[in-house]
Amino acid sequence: VTAANDGLELLARRVPADGPWTVGGLDETEAVTQSLGPAPD
């Protein structure tokens, strides 16, 4: 339920027909669901 709350805005976004947005090599859905970890290394 918490994850649904945090990710709801992604469901409402429109994306191009050729694929999702990329941010630093990650698609935005993956960037939210992937564990970024507490440290960048």
PDB file of all heavy atoms in Angstrom:
ATOM      1  N   VAL A   1       0.837  -1.203   0.000  1.00  0.00           N
ATOM      2  CA  VAL A   1       0.000   0.000   0.000  1.00  0.00           C
ATOM      3  C   VAL A   1       0.865   1.243   0.000  1.00  0.00           C
ATOM      4  O   VAL A   1       0.621   2.209  -0.725  1.00  0.00           O
ATOM      5  CB  VAL A   1      -0.958  -0.016   1.210  1.00  0.00           C
ATOM      6  CG1 VAL A   1      -1.590   1.363   1.412  1.00  0.00           C
ATOM      7  CG2 VAL A   1      -2.048  -1.050   0.995  1.00  0.00           C
ATOM      8  N   THR A   2       1.939   1.243   0.805  1.00  0.00           N
ATOM      9  CA  THR A   2       2.860   2.385   0.814  1.00  0.00           C
ATOM     10  C   THR A   2       3.516   2.557  -0.546  1.00  0.00           C
ATOM     11  O   THR A   2       3.659   3.667  -1.058  1.00  0.00           O
ATOM     12  CB  THR A   2       3.931   2.186   1.894  1.00  0.00           C
ATOM     13  OG1 THR A   2       3.292   2.086   3.164  1.00  0.00           O
ATOM     14  CG2 THR A   2       4.908   3.356   1.914  1.00  0.00           C
ATOM     15  N   ALA A   3       3.916   1.462  -1.165  1.00  0.00           N
ATOM     16  CA  ALA A   3       4.542   1.543  -2.488  1.00  0.00           C
ATOM     17  C   ALA A   3       3.567   2.081  -3.522  1.00  0.00           C
ATOM     18  O   ALA A   3       3.931   2.865  -4.404  1.00  0.00           O
ATOM     19  CB  ALA A   3       5.046   0.161  -2.910  1.00  0.00           C
ATOM     20  N   ALA A   4       2.299   1.662  -3.427  1.00  0.00           N
ATOM     21  CA  ALA A   4       1.291   2.178  -4.371  1.00  0.00           C
ATOM     22  C   ALA A   4       1.120   3.676  -4.221  1.00  0.00           C
ATOM     23  O   ALA A   4       0.993   4.410  -5.205  1.00  0.00           O
ATOM     24  CB  ALA A   4      -0.038   1.472  -4.138  1.00  0.00           C
ATOM     25  N   ASN A   5       1.126   4.152  -2.986  1.00  0.00           N
ATOM     26  CA  ASN A   5       1.012   5.592  -2.738  1.00  0.00           C
ATOM     27  C   ASN A   5       2.179   6.332  -3.359  1.00  0.00           C
ATOM     28  O   ASN A   5       2.015   7.324  -4.068  1.00  0.00           O
ATOM     29  CB  ASN A   5       0.962   5.829  -1.226  1.00  0.00           C
ATOM     30  CG  ASN A   5       0.862   7.290  -0.876  1.00  0.00           C
ATOM     31  OD1 ASN A   5       0.437   8.097  -1.694  1.00  0.00           O
ATOM     32  ND2 ASN A   5       1.248   7.636   0.333  1.00  0.00           N
ATOM     33  N   ASP A   6       3.404   5.828  -3.112  1.00  0.00           N
ATOM     34  CA  ASP A   6       4.597   6.514  -3.611  1.00  0.00           C
ATOM     35  C   ASP A   6       4.696   6.472  -5.134  1.00  0.00           C
ATOM     36  O   ASP A   6       5.227   7.387  -5.753  1.00  0.00           O
ATOM     37  CB  ASP A   6       5.859   5.875  -3.014  1.00  0.00           C
ATOM     38  CG  ASP A   6       5.976   6.129  -1.515  1.00  0.00           C
ATOM     39  OD1 ASP A   6       5.359   7.103  -1.045  1.00  0.00           O
ATOM     40  OD2 ASP A   6       6.657   5.354  -0.828  1.00  0.00           O
ATOM     41  N   GLY A   7       4.163   5.396  -5.748  1.00  0.00           N
ATOM     42  CA  GLY A   7       4.347   5.265  -7.187  1.00  0.00           C
ATOM     43  C   GLY A   7       3.158   5.634  -8.021  1.00  0.00           C
ATOM     44  O   GLY A   7       3.193   5.509  -9.239  1.00  0.00           O
ATOM     45  N   LEU A   8       2.083   6.147  -7.396  1.00  0.00           N
ATOM     46  CA  LEU A   8       0.850   6.391  -8.140  1.00  0.00           C
ATOM     47  C   LEU A   8       1.033   7.378  -9.275  1.00  0.00           C
ATOM     48  O   LEU A   8       0.443   7.238 -10.343  1.00  0.00           O
ATOM     49  CB  LEU A   8      -0.236   6.902  -7.182  1.00  0.00           C
ATOM     50  CG  LEU A   8      -1.629   7.083  -7.789  1.00  0.00           C
ATOM     51  CD1 LEU A   8      -2.132   5.745  -8.319  1.00  0.00           C
ATOM     52  CD2 LEU A   8      -2.576   7.642  -6.755  1.00  0.00           C
ATOM     53  N   GLU A   9       1.873   8.397  -9.058  1.00  0.00           N
ATOM     54  CA  GLU A   9       2.035   9.400 -10.105  1.00  0.00           C
ATOM     55  C   GLU A   9       2.636   8.824 -11.372  1.00  0.00           C
ATOM     56  O   GLU A   9       2.418   9.340 -12.472  1.00  0.00           O
ATOM     57  CB  GLU A   9       2.918  10.559  -9.611  1.00  0.00           C
ATOM     58  CG  GLU A   9       4.388  10.226  -9.407  1.00  0.00           C
ATOM     59  CD  GLU A   9       4.668   9.641  -8.039  1.00  0.00           C
ATOM     60  OE1 GLU A   9       3.728   9.230  -7.349  1.00  0.00           O
ATOM     61  OE2 GLU A   9       5.852   9.587  -7.662  1.00  0.00           O
ATOM     62  N   LEU A  10       3.379   7.732 -11.253  1.00  0.00           N
ATOM     63  CA  LEU A  10       3.976   7.143 -12.444  1.00  0.00           C
ATOM     64  C   LEU A  10       2.918   6.484 -13.322  1.00  0.00           C
ATOM     65  O   LEU A  10       3.032   6.457 -14.539  1.00  0.00           O
ATOM     66  CB  LEU A  10       5.024   6.111 -12.040  1.00  0.00           C
ATOM     67  CG  LEU A  10       6.223   6.678 -11.277  1.00  0.00           C
ATOM     68  CD1 LEU A  10       7.142   5.547 -10.847  1.00  0.00           C
ATOM     69  CD2 LEU A  10       6.956   7.667 -12.132  1.00  0.00           C
ATOM     70  N   LEU A  11       1.868   5.953 -12.691  1.00  0.00           N
ATOM     71  CA  LEU A  11       0.803   5.316 -13.461  1.00  0.00           C
ATOM     72  C   LEU A  11       0.033   6.331 -14.282  1.00  0.00           C
ATOM     73  O   LEU A  11      -0.522   6.009 -15.322  1.00  0.00           O
ATOM     74  CB  LEU A  11      -0.149   4.587 -12.516  1.00  0.00           C
ATOM     75  CG  LEU A  11       0.483   3.495 -11.641  1.00  0.00           C
ATOM     76  CD1 LEU A  11      -0.575   2.906 -10.719  1.00  0.00           C
ATOM     77  CD2 LEU A  11       1.112   2.413 -12.495  1.00  0.00           C
ATOM     78  N   ALA A  12      -0.023   7.570 -13.815  1.00  0.00           N
ATOM     79  CA  ALA A  12      -0.826   8.594 -14.484  1.00  0.00           C
ATOM     80  C   ALA A  12      -0.058   9.302 -15.584  1.00  0.00           C
ATOM     81  O   ALA A  12      -0.638  10.020 -16.376  1.00  0.00           O
ATOM     82  CB  ALA A  12      -1.314   9.625 -13.456  1.00  0.00           C
ATOM     83  N   ARG A  13       1.271   9.100 -15.644  1.00  0.00           N
ATOM     84  CA  ARG A  13       2.067   9.854 -16.604  1.00  0.00           C
ATOM     85  C   ARG A  13       1.954   9.254 -17.992  1.00  0.00           C
ATOM     86  O   ARG A  13       1.880   8.047 -18.176  1.00  0.00           O
ATOM     87  CB  ARG A  13       3.543   9.862 -16.197  1.00  0.00           C
ATOM     88  CG  ARG A  13       3.820  10.733 -14.991  1.00  0.00           C
ATOM     89  CD  ARG A  13       5.302  11.017 -14.886  1.00  0.00           C
ATOM     90  NE  ARG A  13       5.747  11.704 -16.067  1.00  0.00           N
ATOM     91  CZ  ARG A  13       6.940  11.500 -16.631  1.00  0.00           C
ATOM     92  NH1 ARG A  13       7.768  10.664 -16.142  1.00  0.00           N
ATOM     93  NH2 ARG A  13       7.285  12.176 -17.725  1.00  0.00           N
ATOM     94  N   ARG A  14       1.953  10.104 -19.011  1.00  0.00           N
ATOM     95  CA  ARG A  14       1.999   9.641 -20.383  1.00  0.00           C
ATOM     96  C   ARG A  14       3.462   9.527 -20.790  1.00  0.00           C
ATOM     97  O   ARG A  14       4.285  10.372 -20.446  1.00  0.00           O
ATOM     98  CB  ARG A  14       1.308  10.653 -21.313  1.00  0.00           C
ATOM     99  CG  ARG A  14      -0.178  10.796 -21.064  1.00  0.00           C
ATOM    100  CD  ARG A  14      -0.901   9.494 -21.331  1.00  0.00           C
ATOM    101  NE  ARG A  14      -2.332   9.656 -21.230  1.00  0.00           N
ATOM    102  CZ  ARG A  14      -3.130   9.737 -22.282  1.00  0.00           C
ATOM    103  NH1 ARG A  14      -2.655   9.712 -23.493  1.00  0.00           N
ATOM    104  NH2 ARG A  14      -4.428   9.856 -22.128  1.00  0.00           N
ATOM    105  N   VAL A  15       3.821   8.497 -21.554  1.00  0.00           N
ATOM    106  CA  VAL A  15       5.197   8.332 -22.007  1.00  0.00           C
ATOM    107  C   VAL A  15       5.189   8.178 -23.516  1.00  0.00           C
ATOM    108  O   VAL A  15       4.182   7.838 -24.122  1.00  0.00           O
ATOM    109  CB  VAL A  15       5.858   7.099 -21.351  1.00  0.00           C
ATOM    110  CG1 VAL A  15       5.977   7.286 -19.858  1.00  0.00           C
ATOM    111  CG2 VAL A  15       5.092   5.826 -21.665  1.00  0.00           C
ATOM    112  N   PRO A  16       6.320   8.433 -24.159  1.00  0.00           N
ATOM    113  CA  PRO A  16       6.364   8.307 -25.613  1.00  0.00           C
ATOM    114  C   PRO A  16       6.087   6.876 -26.054  1.00  0.00           C
ATOM    115  O   PRO A  16       6.287   5.925 -25.296  1.00  0.00           O
ATOM    116  CB  PRO A  16       7.808   8.728 -25.956  1.00  0.00           C
ATOM    117  CG  PRO A  16       8.300   9.460 -24.753  1.00  0.00           C
ATOM    118  CD  PRO A  16       7.566   8.872 -23.594  1.00  0.00           C
ATOM    119  N   ALA A  17       5.644   6.741 -27.309  1.00  0.00           N
ATOM    120  CA  ALA A  17       5.316   5.425 -27.820  1.00  0.00           C
ATOM    121  C   ALA A  17       6.549   4.529 -27.909  1.00  0.00           C
ATOM    122  O   ALA A  17       6.452   3.308 -27.858  1.00  0.00           O
ATOM    123  CB  ALA A  17       4.663   5.559 -29.201  1.00  0.00           C
ATOM    124  N   ASP A  18       7.748   5.131 -28.038  1.00  0.00           N
ATOM    125  CA  ASP A  18       8.948   4.323 -28.211  1.00  0.00           C
ATOM    126  C   ASP A  18       9.606   3.957 -26.889  1.00  0.00           C
ATOM    127  O   ASP A  18      10.706   3.456 -26.859  1.00  0.00           O
ATOM    128  CB  ASP A  18       9.954   5.051 -29.108  1.00  0.00           C
ATOM    129  CG  ASP A  18      10.350   6.406 -28.544  1.00  0.00           C
ATOM    130  OD1 ASP A  18       9.701   6.854 -27.580  1.00  0.00           O
ATOM    131  OD2 ASP A  18      11.302   7.000 -29.068  1.00  0.00           O
ATOM    132  N   GLY A  19       8.948   4.213 -25.761  1.00  0.00           N
ATOM    133  CA  GLY A  19       9.515   3.748 -24.508  1.00  0.00           C
ATOM    134  C   GLY A  19       9.447   4.783 -23.417  1.00  0.00           C
ATOM    135  O   GLY A  19       9.080   5.929 -23.647  1.00  0.00           O
ATOM    136  N   PRO A  20       9.793   4.374 -22.189  1.00  0.00           N
ATOM    137  CA  PRO A  20       9.715   5.281 -21.048  1.00  0.00           C
ATOM    138  C   PRO A  20      10.886   6.237 -20.985  1.00  0.00           C
ATOM    139  O   PRO A  20      11.894   6.068 -21.683  1.00  0.00           O
ATOM    140  CB  PRO A  20       9.739   4.315 -19.858  1.00  0.00           C
ATOM    141  CG  PRO A  20      10.520   3.142 -20.354  1.00  0.00           C
ATOM    142  CD  PRO A  20      10.181   3.022 -21.828  1.00  0.00           C
ATOM    143  N   TRP A  21      10.728   7.246 -20.147  1.00  0.00           N
ATOM    144  CA  TRP A  21      11.830   8.180 -19.922  1.00  0.00           C
ATOM    145  C   TRP A  21      13.004   7.454 -19.277  1.00  0.00           C
ATOM    146  O   TRP A  21      12.841   6.510 -18.530  1.00  0.00           O
ATOM    147  CB  TRP A  21      11.390   9.321 -19.007  1.00  0.00           C
ATOM    148  CG  TRP A  21      10.348  10.162 -19.616  1.00  0.00           C
ATOM    149  CD1 TRP A  21       9.065  10.313 -19.193  1.00  0.00           C
ATOM    150  CD2 TRP A  21      10.472  10.947 -20.788  1.00  0.00           C
ATOM    151  NE1 TRP A  21       8.372  11.143 -20.023  1.00  0.00           N
ATOM    152  CE2 TRP A  21       9.212  11.544 -21.012  1.00  0.00           C
ATOM    153  CE3 TRP A  21      11.494  11.198 -21.688  1.00  0.00           C
ATOM    154  CZ2 TRP A  21       8.977  12.390 -22.088  1.00  0.00           C
ATOM    155  CZ3 TRP A  21      11.250  12.038 -22.751  1.00  0.00           C
ATOM    156  CH2 TRP A  21      10.022  12.614 -22.947  1.00  0.00           C
ATOM    157  N   THR A  22      14.185   7.924 -19.552  1.00  0.00           N
ATOM    158  CA  THR A  22      15.361   7.383 -18.890  1.00  0.00           C
ATOM    159  C   THR A  22      15.995   8.474 -18.061  1.00  0.00           C
ATOM    160  O   THR A  22      16.049   9.632 -18.456  1.00  0.00           O
ATOM    161  CB  THR A  22      16.399   6.869 -19.903  1.00  0.00           C
ATOM    162  OG1 THR A  22      16.768   7.931 -20.779  1.00  0.00           O
ATOM    163  CG2 THR A  22      15.838   5.718 -20.710  1.00  0.00           C
ATOM    164  N   VAL A  23      16.453   8.110 -16.893  1.00  0.00           N
ATOM    165  CA  VAL A  23      17.154   9.038 -16.013  1.00  0.00           C
ATOM    166  C   VAL A  23      18.421   8.339 -15.574  1.00  0.00           C
ATOM    167  O   VAL A  23      18.382   7.374 -14.814  1.00  0.00           O
ATOM    168  CB  VAL A  23      16.301   9.399 -14.781  1.00  0.00           C
ATOM    169  CG1 VAL A  23      17.033  10.398 -13.907  1.00  0.00           C
ATOM    170  CG2 VAL A  23      14.963   9.967 -15.203  1.00  0.00           C
ATOM    171  N   GLY A  24      19.564   8.817 -16.064  1.00  0.00           N
ATOM    172  CA  GLY A  24      20.818   8.182 -15.701  1.00  0.00           C
ATOM    173  C   GLY A  24      20.880   6.717 -16.105  1.00  0.00           C
ATOM    174  O   GLY A  24      21.485   5.893 -15.419  1.00  0.00           O
ATOM    175  N   GLY A  25      20.251   6.378 -17.232  1.00  0.00           N
ATOM    176  CA  GLY A  25      20.290   5.015 -17.713  1.00  0.00           C
ATOM    177  C   GLY A  25      19.203   4.117 -17.156  1.00  0.00           C
ATOM    178  O   GLY A  25      19.119   2.950 -17.501  1.00  0.00           O
ATOM    179  N   LEU A  26      18.375   4.611 -16.256  1.00  0.00           N
ATOM    180  CA  LEU A  26      17.288   3.815 -15.681  1.00  0.00           C
ATOM    181  C   LEU A  26      15.964   4.346 -16.170  1.00  0.00           C
ATOM    182  O   LEU A  26      15.777   5.552 -16.241  1.00  0.00           O
ATOM    183  CB  LEU A  26      17.314   3.904 -14.147  1.00  0.00           C
ATOM    184  CG  LEU A  26      18.560   3.373 -13.443  1.00  0.00           C
ATOM    185  CD1 LEU A  26      18.463   3.710 -11.967  1.00  0.00           C
ATOM    186  CD2 LEU A  26      18.683   1.876 -13.627  1.00  0.00           C
ATOM    187  N   ASP A  27      15.048   3.439 -16.524  1.00  0.00           N
ATOM    188  CA  ASP A  27      13.729   3.977 -16.803  1.00  0.00           C
ATOM    189  C   ASP A  27      13.107   4.374 -15.473  1.00  0.00           C
ATOM    190  O   ASP A  27      13.468   3.887 -14.422  1.00  0.00           O
ATOM    191  CB  ASP A  27      12.856   2.969 -17.566  1.00  0.00           C
ATOM    192  CG  ASP A  27      12.387   1.821 -16.713  1.00  0.00           C
ATOM    193  OD1 ASP A  27      11.555   2.050 -15.812  1.00  0.00           O
ATOM    194  OD2 ASP A  27      12.832   0.704 -16.973  1.00  0.00           O
ATOM    195  N   GLU A  28      12.162   5.316 -15.545  1.00  0.00           N
ATOM    196  CA  GLU A  28      11.715   5.972 -14.320  1.00  0.00           C
ATOM    197  C   GLU A  28      10.985   5.022 -13.385  1.00  0.00           C
ATOM    198  O   GLU A  28      11.077   5.131 -12.169  1.00  0.00           O
ATOM    199  CB  GLU A  28      10.835   7.178 -14.659  1.00  0.00           C
ATOM    200  CG  GLU A  28      10.846   8.183 -13.543  1.00  0.00           C
ATOM    201  CD  GLU A  28      10.347   9.521 -14.004  1.00  0.00           C
ATOM    202  OE1 GLU A  28      10.941  10.074 -14.940  1.00  0.00           O
ATOM    203  OE2 GLU A  28       9.381  10.008 -13.427  1.00  0.00           O
ATOM    204  N   THR A  29      10.253   4.047 -13.934  1.00  0.00           N
ATOM    205  CA  THR A  29       9.619   3.072 -13.070  1.00  0.00           C
ATOM    206  C   THR A  29      10.674   2.265 -12.321  1.00  0.00           C
ATOM    207  O   THR A  29      10.577   2.007 -11.131  1.00  0.00           O
ATOM    208  CB  THR A  29       8.735   2.131 -13.907  1.00  0.00           C
ATOM    209  OG1 THR A  29       7.794   2.917 -14.626  1.00  0.00           O
ATOM    210  CG2 THR A  29       8.009   1.140 -13.024  1.00  0.00           C
ATOM    211  N   GLU A  30      11.713   1.869 -13.028  1.00  0.00           N
ATOM    212  CA  GLU A  30      12.791   1.104 -12.407  1.00  0.00           C
ATOM    213  C   GLU A  30      13.512   1.934 -11.367  1.00  0.00           C
ATOM    214  O   GLU A  30      13.919   1.426 -10.317  1.00  0.00           O
ATOM    215  CB  GLU A  30      13.763   0.645 -13.492  1.00  0.00           C
ATOM    216  CG  GLU A  30      14.888  -0.241 -12.986  1.00  0.00           C
ATOM    217  CD  GLU A  30      15.858  -0.615 -14.087  1.00  0.00           C
ATOM    218  OE1 GLU A  30      15.578  -0.299 -15.256  1.00  0.00           O
ATOM    219  OE2 GLU A  30      16.904  -1.197 -13.770  1.00  0.00           O
ATOM    220  N   ALA A  31      13.680   3.247 -11.650  1.00  0.00           N
ATOM    221  CA  ALA A  31      14.389   4.110 -10.712  1.00  0.00           C
ATOM    222  C   ALA A  31      13.668   4.198  -9.382  1.00  0.00           C
ATOM    223  O   ALA A  31      14.297   4.399  -8.345  1.00  0.00           O
ATOM    224  CB  ALA A  31      14.548   5.517 -11.309  1.00  0.00           C
ATOM    225  N   VAL A  32      12.323   4.068  -9.421  1.00  0.00           N
ATOM    226  CA  VAL A  32      11.561   4.118  -8.180  1.00  0.00           C
ATOM    227  C   VAL A  32      11.611   2.781  -7.462  1.00  0.00           C
ATOM    228  O   VAL A  32      11.800   2.716  -6.246  1.00  0.00           O
ATOM    229  CB  VAL A  32      10.098   4.512  -8.467  1.00  0.00           C
ATOM    230  CG1 VAL A  32       9.271   4.459  -7.201  1.00  0.00           C
ATOM    231  CG2 VAL A  32      10.051   5.918  -9.058  1.00  0.00           C
ATOM    232  N   THR A  33      11.438   1.689  -8.207  1.00  0.00           N
ATOM    233  CA  THR A  33      11.315   0.390  -7.568  1.00  0.00           C
ATOM    234  C   THR A  33      12.672  -0.204  -7.209  1.00  0.00           C
ATOM    235  O   THR A  33      12.778  -0.995  -6.280  1.00  0.00           O
ATOM    236  CB  THR A  33      10.557  -0.576  -8.483  1.00  0.00           C
ATOM    237  OG1 THR A  33      11.225  -0.664  -9.746  1.00  0.00           O
ATOM    238  CG2 THR A  33       9.137  -0.086  -8.724  1.00  0.00           C
ATOM    239  N   GLN A  34      13.709   0.118  -7.956  1.00  0.00           N
ATOM    240  CA  GLN A  34      15.027  -0.411  -7.632  1.00  0.00           C
ATOM    241  C   GLN A  34      15.489   0.152  -6.302  1.00  0.00           C
ATOM    242  O   GLN A  34      15.281   1.310  -5.993  1.00  0.00           O
ATOM    243  CB  GLN A  34      16.031  -0.030  -8.727  1.00  0.00           C
ATOM    244  CG  GLN A  34      17.449  -0.463  -8.395  1.00  0.00           C
ATOM    245  CD  GLN A  34      18.410  -0.017  -9.473  1.00  0.00           C
ATOM    246  OE1 GLN A  34      17.997   0.173 -10.606  1.00  0.00           O
ATOM    247  NE2 GLN A  34      19.661   0.161  -9.128  1.00  0.00           N
ATOM    248  N   SER A  35      16.140  -0.672  -5.514  1.00  0.00           N
ATOM    249  CA  SER A  35      16.702  -0.191  -4.249  1.00  0.00           C
ATOM    250  C   SER A  35      17.940   0.622  -4.554  1.00  0.00           C
ATOM    251  O   SER A  35      18.970   0.096  -4.959  1.00  0.00           O
ATOM    252  CB  SER A  35      17.047  -1.381  -3.348  1.00  0.00           C
ATOM    253  OG  SER A  35      17.641  -0.940  -2.159  1.00  0.00           O
ATOM    254  N   LEU A  36      17.843   1.932  -4.386  1.00  0.00           N
ATOM    255  CA  LEU A  36      18.996   2.792  -4.651  1.00  0.00           C
ATOM    256  C   LEU A  36      20.099   2.592  -3.630  1.00  0.00           C
ATOM    257  O   LEU A  36      21.247   2.873  -3.905  1.00  0.00           O
ATOM    258  CB  LEU A  36      18.546   4.258  -4.652  1.00  0.00           C
ATOM    259  CG  LEU A  36      17.731   4.715  -5.846  1.00  0.00           C
ATOM    260  CD1 LEU A  36      17.161   6.103  -5.608  1.00  0.00           C
ATOM    261  CD2 LEU A  36      18.568   4.705  -7.098  1.00  0.00           C
ATOM    262  N   GLY A  37      19.742   2.128  -2.460  1.00  0.00           N
ATOM    263  CA  GLY A  37      20.740   1.922  -1.432  1.00  0.00           C
ATOM    264  C   GLY A  37      21.034   3.197  -0.671  1.00  0.00           C
ATOM    265  O   GLY A  37      20.909   4.310  -1.195  1.00  0.00           O
ATOM    266  N   PRO A  38      21.467   3.087   0.580  1.00  0.00           N
ATOM    267  CA  PRO A  38      21.739   4.272   1.393  1.00  0.00           C
ATOM    268  C   PRO A  38      23.008   5.011   0.999  1.00  0.00           C
ATOM    269  O   PRO A  38      23.198   6.159   1.382  1.00  0.00           O
ATOM    270  CB  PRO A  38      21.848   3.707   2.808  1.00  0.00           C
ATOM    271  CG  PRO A  38      22.317   2.299   2.598  1.00  0.00           C
ATOM    272  CD  PRO A  38      21.673   1.834   1.321  1.00  0.00           C
ATOM    273  N   ALA A  39      23.885   4.353   0.234  1.00  0.00           N
ATOM    274  CA  ALA A  39      25.136   4.988  -0.202  1.00  0.00           C
ATOM    275  C   ALA A  39      25.298   4.776  -1.699  1.00  0.00           C
ATOM    276  O   ALA A  39      24.889   3.740  -2.238  1.00  0.00           O
ATOM    277  CB  ALA A  39      26.319   4.399   0.554  1.00  0.00           C
ATOM    278  N   PRO A  40      25.907   5.728  -2.410  1.00  0.00           N
ATOM    279  CA  PRO A  40      25.979   5.647  -3.866  1.00  0.00           C
ATOM    280  C   PRO A  40      26.910   4.553  -4.386  1.00  0.00           C
ATOM    281  O   PRO A  40      26.786   4.133  -5.537  1.00  0.00           O
ATOM    282  CB  PRO A  40      26.485   7.037  -4.272  1.00  0.00           C
ATOM    283  CG  PRO A  40      27.225   7.536  -3.071  1.00  0.00           C
ATOM    284  CD  PRO A  40      26.489   6.993  -1.895  1.00  0.00           C
ATOM    285  N   ASP A  41      27.833   4.091  -3.549  1.00  0.00           N
ATOM    286  CA  ASP A  41      28.776   3.064  -4.011  1.00  0.00           C
ATOM    287  C   ASP A  41      28.218   1.656  -3.882  1.00  0.00           C
ATOM    288  O   ASP A  41      28.914   0.671  -4.154  1.00  0.00           O
ATOM    289  CB  ASP A  41      30.092   3.169  -3.235  1.00  0.00           C
ATOM    290  CG  ASP A  41      29.902   2.996  -1.726  1.00  0.00           C
ATOM    291  OD1 ASP A  41      28.757   2.766  -1.303  1.00  0.00           O
ATOM    292  OD2 ASP A  41      30.899   3.110  -0.994  1.00  0.00           O
TER     293      ASP A  41
END
